[in-house]
């Protein structure tokens, strides 16, 4: 039963990584470059919700969706500043620009709120689920259900909507997508909105799970989201989902196992990344993005 409890905790942690990695994957799939300000968008959403609830006394059920919308808007700002003005053939220009933009976000949060972690108290009037010795608290239930719902909704958008098909077409071949009448600019803007909204959801769920927000989680958790994307396979959304869940389970098991390895959890996780890439350089589910873009 203890192992089952730890597996559930691992799935909860992994679902956060999955949501974050999906955002990286969507943008990489469409533009073949990374948005390294993505982790800071994830971090900012928790602080936005905290400010709305504590400074403006906006109820939780209003502040949460508003924070997701503002996180999506922040992603649009990243696209407008760090990607749109850059020429597509200079792949490193937006990469460096997003690093700078991420620093601007984190430094702004530090100057406005401070560098210390802030408590995040979100009260949910929902019962806990107890099955023998197995306990799923109401925050955990909300975290897991929201993560699953977000992934199902994303899958439905990608498979059953015209914008989702346009995103997949652009990821495969930009010239062919243009010939088919795909509005490239609209797809890119929607991709950033969707990816950043998912980061916003992940940031809120992180704050709920750990009952705290810090201006430094964008770097620490964001880099793990990037690793999850690589583990799952560059440009593969489903690989990002699976990779995140596996990383979460691995983290929790390393901490829970009675071998005194809790302090080495990051080393084990990153070591697993190295091993996977040695045997599967393209990731667990390969790559659905062409290496050469026309």
C-alpha atoms as a PDB file:
ATOM      1  CA  UNK A   1       0.000   0.000   0.000  1.00  0.00           C
ATOM      2  CA  UNK A   2       2.898   2.352   0.733  1.00  0.00           C
ATOM      3  CA  UNK A   3       4.246   1.726  -2.767  1.00  0.00           C
ATOM      4  CA  UNK A   4       0.830   2.521  -4.250  1.00  0.00           C
ATOM      5  CA  UNK A   5       0.730   5.788  -2.310  1.00  0.00           C
ATOM      6  CA  UNK A   6       4.164   6.734  -3.594  1.00  0.00           C
ATOM      7  CA  UNK A   7       3.176   5.859  -7.153  1.00  0.00           C
ATOM      8  CA  UNK A   8       0.198   8.206  -6.885  1.00  0.00           C
ATOM      9  CA  UNK A   9       2.476  10.941  -5.550  1.00  0.00           C
ATOM     10  CA  UNK A  10       4.809  10.297  -8.472  1.00  0.00           C
ATOM     11  CA  UNK A  11       1.960  10.589 -10.970  1.00  0.00           C
ATOM     12  CA  UNK A  12       0.954  13.893  -9.388  1.00  0.00           C
ATOM     13  CA  UNK A  13       4.480  15.251  -9.645  1.00  0.00           C
ATOM     14  CA  UNK A  14       4.927  13.842 -13.133  1.00  0.00           C
ATOM     15  CA  UNK A  15       1.722  15.421 -14.406  1.00  0.00           C
ATOM     16  CA  UNK A  16       3.205  18.843 -13.601  1.00  0.00           C
ATOM     17  CA  UNK A  17       6.314  18.016 -15.595  1.00  0.00           C
ATOM     18  CA  UNK A  18       4.147  16.748 -18.454  1.00  0.00           C
ATOM     19  CA  UNK A  19       2.121  19.961 -18.709  1.00  0.00           C
ATOM     20  CA  UNK A  20       5.300  22.019 -18.681  1.00  0.00           C
ATOM     21  CA  UNK A  21       7.057  19.782 -21.215  1.00  0.00           C
ATOM     22  CA  UNK A  22       4.062  19.867 -23.564  1.00  0.00           C
ATOM     23  CA  UNK A  23       4.443  23.641 -23.799  1.00  0.00           C
ATOM     24  CA  UNK A  24       8.106  23.289 -24.749  1.00  0.00           C
ATOM     25  CA  UNK A  25       7.155  20.583 -27.250  1.00  0.00           C
ATOM     26  CA  UNK A  26       4.385  22.547 -28.962  1.00  0.00           C
ATOM     27  CA  UNK A  27       6.621  25.544 -29.604  1.00  0.00           C
ATOM     28  CA  UNK A  28       9.574  23.425 -30.683  1.00  0.00           C
ATOM     29  CA  UNK A  29       7.353  21.423 -33.018  1.00  0.00           C
ATOM     30  CA  UNK A  30       6.063  24.536 -34.773  1.00  0.00           C
ATOM     31  CA  UNK A  31       9.198  26.719 -34.804  1.00  0.00           C
ATOM     32  CA  UNK A  32      12.047  24.209 -34.348  1.00  0.00           C
ATOM     33  CA  UNK A  33      13.477  26.336 -31.560  1.00  0.00           C
ATOM     34  CA  UNK A  34      13.070  26.572 -27.795  1.00  0.00           C
ATOM     35  CA  UNK A  35      11.223  29.113 -25.706  1.00  0.00           C
ATOM     36  CA  UNK A  36      13.500  29.343 -22.682  1.00  0.00           C
ATOM     37  CA  UNK A  37      11.200  31.878 -21.017  1.00  0.00           C
ATOM     38  CA  UNK A  38       8.589  29.127 -20.681  1.00  0.00           C
ATOM     39  CA  UNK A  39       9.695  28.222 -17.149  1.00  0.00           C
ATOM     40  CA  UNK A  40       9.307  31.829 -16.043  1.00  0.00           C
ATOM     41  CA  UNK A  41       5.738  31.912 -17.409  1.00  0.00           C
ATOM     42  CA  UNK A  42       5.106  28.808 -15.299  1.00  0.00           C
ATOM     43  CA  UNK A  43       6.513  30.584 -12.250  1.00  0.00           C
ATOM     44  CA  UNK A  44       4.672  33.852 -12.897  1.00  0.00           C
ATOM     45  CA  UNK A  45       1.216  32.238 -12.970  1.00  0.00           C
ATOM     46  CA  UNK A  46       1.500  31.193  -9.328  1.00  0.00           C
ATOM     47  CA  UNK A  47       2.494  34.718  -8.285  1.00  0.00           C
ATOM     48  CA  UNK A  48      -0.294  36.241 -10.365  1.00  0.00           C
ATOM     49  CA  UNK A  49      -2.845  34.071  -8.555  1.00  0.00           C
ATOM     50  CA  UNK A  50      -1.256  34.890  -5.192  1.00  0.00           C
ATOM     51  CA  UNK A  51      -1.414  38.647  -5.864  1.00  0.00           C
ATOM     52  CA  UNK A  52      -5.007  38.440  -7.076  1.00  0.00           C
ATOM     53  CA  UNK A  53      -6.087  36.553  -3.958  1.00  0.00           C
ATOM     54  CA  UNK A  54      -4.084  38.453  -1.322  1.00  0.00           C
ATOM     55  CA  UNK A  55      -3.802  42.007  -2.673  1.00  0.00           C
ATOM     56  CA  UNK A  56      -7.065  42.329  -4.575  1.00  0.00           C
ATOM     57  CA  UNK A  57      -9.064  39.758  -2.551  1.00  0.00           C
ATOM     58  CA  UNK A  58     -10.388  38.094  -5.688  1.00  0.00           C
ATOM     59  CA  UNK A  59     -11.958  34.681  -4.946  1.00  0.00           C
ATOM     60  CA  UNK A  60     -10.018  31.566  -5.808  1.00  0.00           C
ATOM     61  CA  UNK A  61     -12.482  30.386  -8.472  1.00  0.00           C
ATOM     62  CA  UNK A  62     -12.006  33.714 -10.306  1.00  0.00           C
ATOM     63  CA  UNK A  63      -8.285  34.269  -9.714  1.00  0.00           C
ATOM     64  CA  UNK A  64      -7.282  30.841 -11.044  1.00  0.00           C
ATOM     65  CA  UNK A  65      -8.802  31.130 -14.551  1.00  0.00           C
ATOM     66  CA  UNK A  66      -7.728  34.781 -14.683  1.00  0.00           C
ATOM     67  CA  UNK A  67      -4.140  33.717 -13.896  1.00  0.00           C
ATOM     68  CA  UNK A  68      -4.229  31.172 -16.723  1.00  0.00           C
ATOM     69  CA  UNK A  69      -5.464  33.842 -19.141  1.00  0.00           C
ATOM     70  CA  UNK A  70      -2.714  36.232 -18.031  1.00  0.00           C
ATOM     71  CA  UNK A  71      -0.091  33.470 -18.383  1.00  0.00           C
ATOM     72  CA  UNK A  72      -1.309  32.907 -21.942  1.00  0.00           C
ATOM     73  CA  UNK A  73      -1.099  36.652 -22.556  1.00  0.00           C
ATOM     74  CA  UNK A  74       2.460  36.659 -21.228  1.00  0.00           C
ATOM     75  CA  UNK A  75       3.262  33.915 -23.728  1.00  0.00           C
ATOM     76  CA  UNK A  76       1.864  36.071 -26.512  1.00  0.00           C
ATOM     77  CA  UNK A  77       4.164  38.853 -25.354  1.00  0.00           C
ATOM     78  CA  UNK A  78       7.142  36.476 -25.539  1.00  0.00           C
ATOM     79  CA  UNK A  79       6.155  35.592 -29.103  1.00  0.00           C
ATOM     80  CA  UNK A  80       5.731  39.238 -30.101  1.00  0.00           C
ATOM     81  CA  UNK A  81       9.047  40.377 -28.592  1.00  0.00           C
ATOM     82  CA  UNK A  82      11.378  37.391 -28.858  1.00  0.00           C
ATOM     83  CA  UNK A  83      10.180  35.501 -31.942  1.00  0.00           C
ATOM     84  CA  UNK A  84       8.187  37.644 -34.367  1.00  0.00           C
ATOM     85  CA  UNK A  85      10.901  40.282 -35.028  1.00  0.00           C
ATOM     86  CA  UNK A  86      13.595  37.632 -35.525  1.00  0.00           C
ATOM     87  CA  UNK A  87      14.387  36.165 -38.902  1.00  0.00           C
ATOM     88  CA  UNK A  88      13.491  32.488 -38.991  1.00  0.00           C
ATOM     89  CA  UNK A  89      16.870  31.412 -40.418  1.00  0.00           C
ATOM     90  CA  UNK A  90      18.687  32.696 -37.310  1.00  0.00           C
ATOM     91  CA  UNK A  91      17.660  29.974 -34.861  1.00  0.00           C
ATOM     92  CA  UNK A  92      19.858  31.168 -32.000  1.00  0.00           C
ATOM     93  CA  UNK A  93      18.459  34.718 -31.982  1.00  0.00           C
ATOM     94  CA  UNK A  94      15.054  33.838 -30.444  1.00  0.00           C
ATOM     95  CA  UNK A  95      16.761  31.338 -28.152  1.00  0.00           C
ATOM     96  CA  UNK A  96      18.967  34.022 -26.623  1.00  0.00           C
ATOM     97  CA  UNK A  97      16.131  36.538 -26.660  1.00  0.00           C
ATOM     98  CA  UNK A  98      13.870  34.232 -24.625  1.00  0.00           C
ATOM     99  CA  UNK A  99      16.628  33.759 -22.052  1.00  0.00           C
ATOM    100  CA  UNK A 100      16.762  37.535 -21.662  1.00  0.00           C
ATOM    101  CA  UNK A 101      12.971  37.781 -21.514  1.00  0.00           C
ATOM    102  CA  UNK A 102      12.860  35.089 -18.822  1.00  0.00           C
ATOM    103  CA  UNK A 103      15.392  37.017 -16.763  1.00  0.00           C
ATOM    104  CA  UNK A 104      13.233  40.126 -17.105  1.00  0.00           C
ATOM    105  CA  UNK A 105      10.214  38.205 -15.786  1.00  0.00           C
ATOM    106  CA  UNK A 106      12.055  36.660 -12.832  1.00  0.00           C
ATOM    107  CA  UNK A 107      13.787  39.906 -11.863  1.00  0.00           C
ATOM    108  CA  UNK A 108      10.482  41.762 -12.070  1.00  0.00           C
ATOM    109  CA  UNK A 109       8.886  39.259  -9.707  1.00  0.00           C
ATOM    110  CA  UNK A 110      11.823  39.513  -7.296  1.00  0.00           C
ATOM    111  CA  UNK A 111      11.672  43.313  -7.268  1.00  0.00           C
ATOM    112  CA  UNK A 112       7.906  43.388  -6.805  1.00  0.00           C
ATOM    113  CA  UNK A 113       7.441  40.505  -4.346  1.00  0.00           C
ATOM    114  CA  UNK A 114      10.878  39.647  -2.990  1.00  0.00           C
ATOM    115  CA  UNK A 115      13.188  36.690  -3.406  1.00  0.00           C
ATOM    116  CA  UNK A 116      11.773  34.576  -0.572  1.00  0.00           C
ATOM    117  CA  UNK A 117       9.248  31.816  -1.138  1.00  0.00           C
ATOM    118  CA  UNK A 118       5.700  32.903  -0.345  1.00  0.00           C
ATOM    119  CA  UNK A 119       3.033  30.678   1.228  1.00  0.00           C
ATOM    120  CA  UNK A 120       0.197  29.782  -1.123  1.00  0.00           C
ATOM    121  CA  UNK A 121      -2.906  28.833   0.817  1.00  0.00           C
ATOM    122  CA  UNK A 122      -5.702  27.654  -1.454  1.00  0.00           C
ATOM    123  CA  UNK A 123      -8.577  26.193   0.545  1.00  0.00           C
ATOM    124  CA  UNK A 124     -10.732  23.561  -1.133  1.00  0.00           C
ATOM    125  CA  UNK A 125     -13.903  22.416   0.576  1.00  0.00           C
ATOM    126  CA  UNK A 126     -13.744  18.940  -0.863  1.00  0.00           C
ATOM    127  CA  UNK A 127     -13.524  15.620   0.990  1.00  0.00           C
ATOM    128  CA  UNK A 128     -10.399  13.472   0.923  1.00  0.00           C
ATOM    129  CA  UNK A 129     -10.539  10.017  -0.630  1.00  0.00           C
ATOM    130  CA  UNK A 130      -9.469   7.172   1.648  1.00  0.00           C
ATOM    131  CA  UNK A 131      -9.127   3.590   0.445  1.00  0.00           C
ATOM    132  CA  UNK A 132      -7.724   1.666   3.398  1.00  0.00           C
ATOM    133  CA  UNK A 133      -4.319   3.172   4.067  1.00  0.00           C
ATOM    134  CA  UNK A 134      -4.364   4.954   0.713  1.00  0.00           C
ATOM    135  CA  UNK A 135      -5.105   8.685   0.976  1.00  0.00           C
ATOM    136  CA  UNK A 136      -5.750  11.140  -1.825  1.00  0.00           C
ATOM    137  CA  UNK A 137      -6.247  14.653  -0.464  1.00  0.00           C
ATOM    138  CA  UNK A 138      -8.567  17.138  -2.141  1.00  0.00           C
ATOM    139  CA  UNK A 139      -5.651  19.256  -3.500  1.00  0.00           C
ATOM    140  CA  UNK A 140      -4.092  16.097  -4.945  1.00  0.00           C
ATOM    141  CA  UNK A 141      -7.435  15.105  -6.471  1.00  0.00           C
ATOM    142  CA  UNK A 142      -7.792  18.543  -8.070  1.00  0.00           C
ATOM    143  CA  UNK A 143      -4.203  18.432  -9.311  1.00  0.00           C
ATOM    144  CA  UNK A 144      -4.551  15.004 -10.924  1.00  0.00           C
ATOM    145  CA  UNK A 145      -7.995  15.623 -12.421  1.00  0.00           C
ATOM    146  CA  UNK A 146      -6.966  19.026 -13.811  1.00  0.00           C
ATOM    147  CA  UNK A 147      -3.799  17.581 -15.337  1.00  0.00           C
ATOM    148  CA  UNK A 148      -5.670  14.695 -16.962  1.00  0.00           C
ATOM    149  CA  UNK A 149      -8.424  17.016 -18.227  1.00  0.00           C
ATOM    150  CA  UNK A 150      -5.847  19.420 -19.673  1.00  0.00           C
ATOM    151  CA  UNK A 151      -4.045  16.625 -21.521  1.00  0.00           C
ATOM    152  CA  UNK A 152      -7.304  15.148 -22.853  1.00  0.00           C
ATOM    153  CA  UNK A 153      -8.440  18.579 -24.013  1.00  0.00           C
ATOM    154  CA  UNK A 154      -5.078  19.214 -25.695  1.00  0.00           C
ATOM    155  CA  UNK A 155      -5.238  15.841 -27.453  1.00  0.00           C
ATOM    156  CA  UNK A 156      -8.749  16.634 -28.663  1.00  0.00           C
ATOM    157  CA  UNK A 157      -7.619  20.036 -29.998  1.00  0.00           C
ATOM    158  CA  UNK A 158      -4.659  18.507 -31.816  1.00  0.00           C
ATOM    159  CA  UNK A 159      -6.644  15.670 -33.384  1.00  0.00           C
ATOM    160  CA  UNK A 160     -10.138  17.024 -34.005  1.00  0.00           C
ATOM    161  CA  UNK A 161      -9.896  20.765 -34.729  1.00  0.00           C
ATOM    162  CA  UNK A 162      -8.751  22.677 -37.780  1.00  0.00           C
ATOM    163  CA  UNK A 163      -6.209  24.691 -35.779  1.00  0.00           C
ATOM    164  CA  UNK A 164      -4.775  21.447 -34.367  1.00  0.00           C
ATOM    165  CA  UNK A 165      -4.420  19.981 -37.850  1.00  0.00           C
ATOM    166  CA  UNK A 166      -2.795  23.217 -38.977  1.00  0.00           C
ATOM    167  CA  UNK A 167      -0.293  22.968 -36.120  1.00  0.00           C
ATOM    168  CA  UNK A 168       0.596  19.429 -37.097  1.00  0.00           C
ATOM    169  CA  UNK A 169       0.914  20.414 -40.746  1.00  0.00           C
ATOM    170  CA  UNK A 170       3.222  23.313 -39.907  1.00  0.00           C
ATOM    171  CA  UNK A 171       5.336  21.042 -37.695  1.00  0.00           C
ATOM    172  CA  UNK A 172       5.779  18.630 -40.598  1.00  0.00           C
ATOM    173  CA  UNK A 173       6.561  21.070 -43.399  1.00  0.00           C
ATOM    174  CA  UNK A 174       6.110  24.837 -43.449  1.00  0.00           C
ATOM    175  CA  UNK A 175       6.094  25.210 -47.247  1.00  0.00           C
ATOM    176  CA  UNK A 176       3.504  22.455 -47.682  1.00  0.00           C
ATOM    177  CA  UNK A 177       1.387  24.011 -44.945  1.00  0.00           C
ATOM    178  CA  UNK A 178       1.449  27.373 -46.769  1.00  0.00           C
ATOM    179  CA  UNK A 179       0.430  25.678 -50.018  1.00  0.00           C
ATOM    180  CA  UNK A 180      -2.501  24.120 -48.200  1.00  0.00           C
ATOM    181  CA  UNK A 181      -3.674  27.552 -47.099  1.00  0.00           C
ATOM    182  CA  UNK A 182      -2.542  27.417 -43.471  1.00  0.00           C
ATOM    183  CA  UNK A 183      -2.333  30.837 -41.815  1.00  0.00           C
ATOM    184  CA  UNK A 184       1.185  30.496 -40.418  1.00  0.00           C
ATOM    185  CA  UNK A 185       1.079  33.606 -38.217  1.00  0.00           C
ATOM    186  CA  UNK A 186      -2.242  32.626 -36.641  1.00  0.00           C
ATOM    187  CA  UNK A 187      -0.984  29.108 -35.912  1.00  0.00           C
ATOM    188  CA  UNK A 188       2.185  30.406 -34.258  1.00  0.00           C
ATOM    189  CA  UNK A 189       0.235  32.869 -32.092  1.00  0.00           C
ATOM    190  CA  UNK A 190      -2.249  30.166 -31.068  1.00  0.00           C
ATOM    191  CA  UNK A 191       0.610  27.780 -30.268  1.00  0.00           C
ATOM    192  CA  UNK A 192       2.188  30.283 -27.884  1.00  0.00           C
ATOM    193  CA  UNK A 193      -1.190  31.009 -26.296  1.00  0.00           C
ATOM    194  CA  UNK A 194      -1.906  27.314 -25.784  1.00  0.00           C
ATOM    195  CA  UNK A 195       1.603  26.423 -24.566  1.00  0.00           C
ATOM    196  CA  UNK A 196       1.732  29.334 -22.104  1.00  0.00           C
ATOM    197  CA  UNK A 197      -1.763  28.586 -20.805  1.00  0.00           C
ATOM    198  CA  UNK A 198      -0.641  25.027 -20.070  1.00  0.00           C
ATOM    199  CA  UNK A 199       2.406  26.461 -18.268  1.00  0.00           C
ATOM    200  CA  UNK A 200       0.025  28.673 -16.292  1.00  0.00           C
ATOM    201  CA  UNK A 201      -2.054  25.657 -15.278  1.00  0.00           C
ATOM    202  CA  UNK A 202       1.108  23.792 -14.265  1.00  0.00           C
ATOM    203  CA  UNK A 203       2.290  26.774 -12.192  1.00  0.00           C
ATOM    204  CA  UNK A 204      -1.005  26.936 -10.300  1.00  0.00           C
ATOM    205  CA  UNK A 205      -1.014  23.193  -9.674  1.00  0.00           C
ATOM    206  CA  UNK A 206       2.581  23.391  -8.410  1.00  0.00           C
ATOM    207  CA  UNK A 207       1.581  26.145  -5.977  1.00  0.00           C
ATOM    208  CA  UNK A 208      -1.374  24.065  -4.773  1.00  0.00           C
ATOM    209  CA  UNK A 209       0.720  20.934  -4.349  1.00  0.00           C
ATOM    210  CA  UNK A 210       3.601  22.526  -2.436  1.00  0.00           C
ATOM    211  CA  UNK A 211       1.580  25.367  -0.850  1.00  0.00           C
ATOM    212  CA  UNK A 212       4.285  27.880  -1.787  1.00  0.00           C
ATOM    213  CA  UNK A 213       5.614  29.859  -4.737  1.00  0.00           C
ATOM    214  CA  UNK A 214       9.167  31.021  -5.343  1.00  0.00           C
ATOM    215  CA  UNK A 215      10.666  33.224  -8.070  1.00  0.00           C
ATOM    216  CA  UNK A 216      13.309  30.547  -8.675  1.00  0.00           C
ATOM    217  CA  UNK A 217      11.039  27.615  -9.565  1.00  0.00           C
ATOM    218  CA  UNK A 218      10.968  28.765 -13.170  1.00  0.00           C
ATOM    219  CA  UNK A 219      14.615  27.773 -13.530  1.00  0.00           C
ATOM    220  CA  UNK A 220      14.627  24.614 -11.390  1.00  0.00           C
ATOM    221  CA  UNK A 221      11.340  23.097 -12.542  1.00  0.00           C
ATOM    222  CA  UNK A 222      11.531  24.591 -16.035  1.00  0.00           C
ATOM    223  CA  UNK A 223      14.803  22.818 -16.804  1.00  0.00           C
ATOM    224  CA  UNK A 224      13.172  19.522 -15.804  1.00  0.00           C
ATOM    225  CA  UNK A 225      10.321  20.252 -18.183  1.00  0.00           C
ATOM    226  CA  UNK A 226      12.911  20.739 -20.902  1.00  0.00           C
ATOM    227  CA  UNK A 227      14.542  17.415 -19.962  1.00  0.00           C
ATOM    228  CA  UNK A 228      11.149  15.691 -20.101  1.00  0.00           C
ATOM    229  CA  UNK A 229      10.622  17.000 -23.624  1.00  0.00           C
ATOM    230  CA  UNK A 230      13.971  15.495 -24.659  1.00  0.00           C
ATOM    231  CA  UNK A 231      13.191  12.200 -22.933  1.00  0.00           C
ATOM    232  CA  UNK A 232       9.795  11.912 -24.598  1.00  0.00           C
ATOM    233  CA  UNK A 233      11.085  12.885 -28.037  1.00  0.00           C
ATOM    234  CA  UNK A 234      11.524  16.293 -29.628  1.00  0.00           C
ATOM    235  CA  UNK A 235       8.224  17.536 -31.004  1.00  0.00           C
ATOM    236  CA  UNK A 236       6.190  14.573 -29.718  1.00  0.00           C
ATOM    237  CA  UNK A 237       3.338  15.715 -27.462  1.00  0.00           C
ATOM    238  CA  UNK A 238       2.466  12.214 -26.268  1.00  0.00           C
ATOM    239  CA  UNK A 239       6.114  11.543 -25.556  1.00  0.00           C
ATOM    240  CA  UNK A 240       6.146  14.645 -23.337  1.00  0.00           C
ATOM    241  CA  UNK A 241       3.129  13.305 -21.428  1.00  0.00           C
ATOM    242  CA  UNK A 242       4.697   9.897 -20.866  1.00  0.00           C
ATOM    243  CA  UNK A 243       8.165  11.297 -20.136  1.00  0.00           C
ATOM    244  CA  UNK A 244       6.788  13.635 -17.457  1.00  0.00           C
ATOM    245  CA  UNK A 245       4.915  10.853 -15.681  1.00  0.00           C
ATOM    246  CA  UNK A 246       7.986   8.618 -15.743  1.00  0.00           C
ATOM    247  CA  UNK A 247      10.207  11.368 -14.332  1.00  0.00           C
ATOM    248  CA  UNK A 248       7.736  12.094 -11.540  1.00  0.00           C
ATOM    249  CA  UNK A 249       7.494   8.443 -10.555  1.00  0.00           C
ATOM    250  CA  UNK A 250      11.288   8.059 -10.654  1.00  0.00           C
ATOM    251  CA  UNK A 251      11.788  11.105  -8.415  1.00  0.00           C
ATOM    252  CA  UNK A 252       9.318   9.921  -5.799  1.00  0.00           C
ATOM    253  CA  UNK A 253      10.627   6.353  -5.774  1.00  0.00           C
ATOM    254  CA  UNK A 254      14.229   7.512  -5.306  1.00  0.00           C
ATOM    255  CA  UNK A 255      13.117   9.612  -2.326  1.00  0.00           C
ATOM    256  CA  UNK A 256      10.901   6.893  -0.848  1.00  0.00           C
ATOM    257  CA  UNK A 257      13.160   3.866  -1.241  1.00  0.00           C
ATOM    258  CA  UNK A 258      15.101   3.018   1.936  1.00  0.00           C
ATOM    259  CA  UNK A 259      18.560   3.377   0.422  1.00  0.00           C
ATOM    260  CA  UNK A 260      19.374   6.852   1.699  1.00  0.00           C
ATOM    261  CA  UNK A 261      19.397   8.300  -1.813  1.00  0.00           C
ATOM    262  CA  UNK A 262      16.959  11.165  -1.274  1.00  0.00           C
ATOM    263  CA  UNK A 263      19.725  13.755  -1.504  1.00  0.00           C
ATOM    264  CA  UNK A 264      20.823  12.271  -4.840  1.00  0.00           C
ATOM    265  CA  UNK A 265      17.397  12.473  -6.472  1.00  0.00           C
ATOM    266  CA  UNK A 266      18.433  15.078  -9.054  1.00  0.00           C
ATOM    267  CA  UNK A 267      21.570  13.118  -9.907  1.00  0.00           C
ATOM    268  CA  UNK A 268      19.517   9.949 -10.454  1.00  0.00           C
ATOM    269  CA  UNK A 269      16.957  11.741 -12.610  1.00  0.00           C
ATOM    270  CA  UNK A 270      19.558  13.433 -14.814  1.00  0.00           C
ATOM    271  CA  UNK A 271      21.553  10.212 -14.939  1.00  0.00           C
ATOM    272  CA  UNK A 272      18.435   8.487 -16.261  1.00  0.00           C
ATOM    273  CA  UNK A 273      18.225  11.169 -18.965  1.00  0.00           C
ATOM    274  CA  UNK A 274      21.808  10.434 -20.016  1.00  0.00           C
ATOM    275  CA  UNK A 275      21.143   6.674 -20.130  1.00  0.00           C
ATOM    276  CA  UNK A 276      17.968   7.095 -22.187  1.00  0.00           C
ATOM    277  CA  UNK A 277      19.725   9.333 -24.694  1.00  0.00           C
ATOM    278  CA  UNK A 278      22.603   6.871 -25.000  1.00  0.00           C
ATOM    279  CA  UNK A 279      20.225   4.136 -26.175  1.00  0.00           C
ATOM    280  CA  UNK A 280      17.448   6.317 -27.658  1.00  0.00           C
ATOM    281  CA  UNK A 281      19.007   9.573 -28.927  1.00  0.00           C
ATOM    282  CA  UNK A 282      15.667  10.650 -30.409  1.00  0.00           C
ATOM    283  CA  UNK A 283      13.822  10.071 -27.123  1.00  0.00           C
ATOM    284  CA  UNK A 284      11.397   7.377 -26.008  1.00  0.00           C
ATOM    285  CA  UNK A 285       8.865   8.105 -28.743  1.00  0.00           C
ATOM    286  CA  UNK A 286      11.209   9.406 -31.404  1.00  0.00           C
ATOM    287  CA  UNK A 287      10.776  12.707 -33.194  1.00  0.00           C
ATOM    288  CA  UNK A 288       7.919  13.822 -35.363  1.00  0.00           C
ATOM    289  CA  UNK A 289       9.709  16.969 -36.452  1.00  0.00           C
ATOM    290  CA  UNK A 290      11.853  17.069 -39.547  1.00  0.00           C
ATOM    291  CA  UNK A 291      15.489  17.842 -38.894  1.00  0.00           C
ATOM    292  CA  UNK A 292      15.737  19.933 -42.051  1.00  0.00           C
ATOM    293  CA  UNK A 293      13.294  22.814 -42.457  1.00  0.00           C
ATOM    294  CA  UNK A 294      12.773  24.243 -45.926  1.00  0.00           C
END
